[in-house]
Amino acid sequence: MTKAIRVENADTSDYKVMLQVWDKGRDLGNGLVEPDTLVREIPLNLPTTMVQESIYDTRYLVIKEV
């Protein structure tokens, strides 16, 4: 199932925020799995900066301070 997600930088401090979009690695069999792949990074540097991304069973988001 695909899910649309909105992420907003709701903080007014000077700290910067980065949204990362990742795809999970494929199962290659015999216990081997490809590493996860970084699809893109989106800076959310200003208060009220907002982005919409979609996630599904093989995609996830990471939000981190940079």
N, C-alpha and C. Protein backbone atom coordinates (compact mmCIF):
# COMPACT_ATOMS: atom_id res chain seq x y z
N MET A 1 0.84 -1.17 0.00
CA MET A 1 0.00 0.00 0.00
C MET A 1 0.89 1.24 0.00
N THR A 2 0.57 2.21 -0.82
CA THR A 2 1.30 3.46 -0.87
C THR A 2 0.65 4.46 0.09
N LYS A 3 1.48 5.19 0.80
CA LYS A 3 1.00 6.17 1.77
C LYS A 3 1.70 7.49 1.50
N ALA A 4 0.93 8.57 1.33
CA ALA A 4 1.49 9.91 1.15
C ALA A 4 1.75 10.51 2.52
N ILE A 5 2.97 11.04 2.72
CA ILE A 5 3.40 11.59 4.00
C ILE A 5 3.85 13.03 3.79
N ARG A 6 3.40 13.94 4.67
CA ARG A 6 3.91 15.32 4.65
C ARG A 6 4.79 15.52 5.87
N VAL A 7 5.95 16.14 5.65
CA VAL A 7 6.89 16.44 6.73
C VAL A 7 7.13 17.94 6.71
N GLU A 8 7.02 18.56 7.88
CA GLU A 8 7.22 20.01 7.98
C GLU A 8 8.25 20.29 9.07
N ASN A 9 9.15 21.23 8.79
CA ASN A 9 10.06 21.73 9.80
C ASN A 9 9.26 22.77 10.61
N ALA A 10 8.82 22.38 11.79
CA ALA A 10 7.98 23.26 12.60
C ALA A 10 8.78 23.96 13.70
N ASP A 11 10.09 23.91 13.61
CA ASP A 11 10.96 24.48 14.64
C ASP A 11 11.53 25.81 14.16
N THR A 12 11.65 26.77 15.05
CA THR A 12 12.16 28.09 14.67
C THR A 12 13.63 28.29 15.03
N SER A 13 14.32 27.24 15.46
CA SER A 13 15.73 27.37 15.82
C SER A 13 16.59 27.44 14.56
N ASP A 14 17.89 27.61 14.76
CA ASP A 14 18.84 27.69 13.65
C ASP A 14 19.33 26.31 13.19
N TYR A 15 18.91 25.24 13.85
CA TYR A 15 19.34 23.89 13.48
C TYR A 15 18.68 23.48 12.17
N LYS A 16 19.45 22.80 11.33
CA LYS A 16 18.96 22.37 10.03
C LYS A 16 18.45 20.93 10.12
N VAL A 17 17.48 20.61 9.26
CA VAL A 17 16.87 19.29 9.22
C VAL A 17 16.98 18.74 7.81
N MET A 18 17.23 17.43 7.70
CA MET A 18 17.33 16.77 6.40
C MET A 18 16.36 15.59 6.38
N LEU A 19 15.60 15.47 5.30
CA LEU A 19 14.74 14.31 5.08
C LEU A 19 15.43 13.42 4.07
N GLN A 20 15.60 12.15 4.41
CA GLN A 20 16.19 11.18 3.49
C GLN A 20 15.13 10.18 3.07
N VAL A 21 15.13 9.85 1.78
CA VAL A 21 14.22 8.85 1.24
C VAL A 21 15.06 7.62 0.88
N TRP A 22 14.72 6.47 1.45
CA TRP A 22 15.49 5.24 1.28
C TRP A 22 14.64 4.13 0.68
N ASP A 23 15.24 3.32 -0.18
CA ASP A 23 14.64 2.08 -0.67
C ASP A 23 15.34 0.91 -0.02
N LYS A 24 14.55 -0.06 0.48
CA LYS A 24 15.12 -1.25 1.10
C LYS A 24 15.81 -2.11 0.04
N GLY A 25 16.89 -2.77 0.44
CA GLY A 25 17.61 -3.67 -0.47
C GLY A 25 16.82 -4.95 -0.71
N ARG A 26 17.03 -5.53 -1.89
CA ARG A 26 16.35 -6.79 -2.24
C ARG A 26 17.00 -7.97 -1.55
N ASP A 27 16.18 -8.97 -1.28
CA ASP A 27 16.67 -10.25 -0.76
C ASP A 27 17.22 -11.04 -1.95
N LEU A 28 18.51 -11.34 -1.91
CA LEU A 28 19.16 -12.05 -3.02
C LEU A 28 19.17 -13.56 -2.81
N GLY A 29 18.63 -14.02 -1.68
CA GLY A 29 18.63 -15.44 -1.38
C GLY A 29 19.90 -15.85 -0.66
N ASN A 30 19.90 -17.05 -0.10
CA ASN A 30 21.04 -17.59 0.64
C ASN A 30 21.51 -16.66 1.76
N GLY A 31 20.57 -15.91 2.35
CA GLY A 31 20.93 -15.01 3.44
C GLY A 31 21.57 -13.71 3.01
N LEU A 32 21.65 -13.46 1.72
CA LEU A 32 22.26 -12.23 1.20
C LEU A 32 21.18 -11.19 0.92
N VAL A 33 21.43 -9.97 1.30
CA VAL A 33 20.50 -8.87 1.07
C VAL A 33 21.30 -7.68 0.55
N GLU A 34 20.80 -7.06 -0.52
CA GLU A 34 21.44 -5.84 -1.01
C GLU A 34 21.34 -4.76 0.06
N PRO A 35 22.30 -3.84 0.13
CA PRO A 35 22.17 -2.73 1.07
C PRO A 35 21.04 -1.79 0.65
N ASP A 36 20.47 -1.10 1.62
CA ASP A 36 19.46 -0.09 1.32
C ASP A 36 20.08 1.02 0.49
N THR A 37 19.27 1.66 -0.35
CA THR A 37 19.74 2.69 -1.27
C THR A 37 19.14 4.04 -0.93
N LEU A 38 19.99 5.05 -0.78
CA LEU A 38 19.52 6.41 -0.57
C LEU A 38 19.02 6.96 -1.90
N VAL A 39 17.73 7.30 -1.97
CA VAL A 39 17.13 7.80 -3.21
C VAL A 39 17.38 9.29 -3.37
N ARG A 40 17.12 10.04 -2.29
CA ARG A 40 17.36 11.49 -2.34
C ARG A 40 17.38 12.06 -0.93
N GLU A 41 17.98 13.24 -0.81
CA GLU A 41 17.99 14.01 0.43
C GLU A 41 17.32 15.34 0.16
N ILE A 42 16.45 15.75 1.06
CA ILE A 42 15.72 16.99 0.90
C ILE A 42 15.96 17.85 2.13
N PRO A 43 16.61 19.00 1.99
CA PRO A 43 16.83 19.87 3.16
C PRO A 43 15.54 20.57 3.55
N LEU A 44 15.30 20.63 4.86
CA LEU A 44 14.17 21.38 5.41
C LEU A 44 14.77 22.42 6.35
N ASN A 45 15.43 23.41 5.79
CA ASN A 45 16.25 24.33 6.56
C ASN A 45 15.48 25.47 7.23
N LEU A 46 14.33 25.81 6.72
CA LEU A 46 13.61 26.97 7.24
C LEU A 46 12.33 26.53 7.94
N PRO A 47 11.89 27.27 8.95
CA PRO A 47 10.60 26.96 9.57
C PRO A 47 9.49 27.00 8.51
N THR A 48 8.57 26.11 8.65
CA THR A 48 7.41 25.91 7.76
C THR A 48 7.77 25.31 6.41
N THR A 49 9.04 24.94 6.17
CA THR A 49 9.38 24.22 4.96
C THR A 49 8.68 22.86 5.03
N MET A 50 7.96 22.50 3.96
CA MET A 50 7.20 21.26 3.95
C MET A 50 7.48 20.49 2.67
N VAL A 51 7.47 19.16 2.78
CA VAL A 51 7.66 18.30 1.63
C VAL A 51 6.68 17.13 1.74
N GLN A 52 6.25 16.63 0.59
CA GLN A 52 5.40 15.45 0.57
C GLN A 52 6.13 14.34 -0.16
N GLU A 53 6.16 13.17 0.45
CA GLU A 53 6.78 11.98 -0.13
C GLU A 53 5.83 10.81 0.01
N SER A 54 6.03 9.79 -0.77
CA SER A 54 5.24 8.57 -0.66
C SER A 54 6.11 7.46 -0.11
N ILE A 55 5.52 6.64 0.75
CA ILE A 55 6.20 5.45 1.26
C ILE A 55 5.36 4.24 0.93
N TYR A 56 6.01 3.08 0.90
CA TYR A 56 5.33 1.81 0.69
C TYR A 56 6.19 0.73 1.32
N ASP A 57 5.90 -0.52 1.05
CA ASP A 57 6.56 -1.60 1.78
C ASP A 57 8.07 -1.65 1.57
N THR A 58 8.59 -1.06 0.51
CA THR A 58 10.04 -1.09 0.28
C THR A 58 10.68 0.30 0.35
N ARG A 59 9.97 1.29 0.84
CA ARG A 59 10.52 2.65 0.93
C ARG A 59 10.25 3.20 2.33
N TYR A 60 11.24 3.91 2.88
CA TYR A 60 11.06 4.53 4.19
C TYR A 60 11.76 5.88 4.23
N LEU A 61 11.42 6.68 5.24
CA LEU A 61 11.95 8.03 5.40
C LEU A 61 12.77 8.10 6.68
N VAL A 62 13.84 8.91 6.63
CA VAL A 62 14.65 9.20 7.81
C VAL A 62 14.71 10.72 7.93
N ILE A 63 14.42 11.22 9.12
CA ILE A 63 14.52 12.65 9.39
C ILE A 63 15.65 12.85 10.38
N LYS A 64 16.61 13.72 10.03
CA LYS A 64 17.75 13.90 10.93
C LYS A 64 18.16 15.36 10.97
N GLU A 65 18.79 15.70 12.08
CA GLU A 65 19.36 17.04 12.24
C GLU A 65 20.75 17.03 11.64
N VAL A 66 21.06 18.08 10.90
CA VAL A 66 22.39 18.17 10.28
C VAL A 66 23.11 19.42 10.72
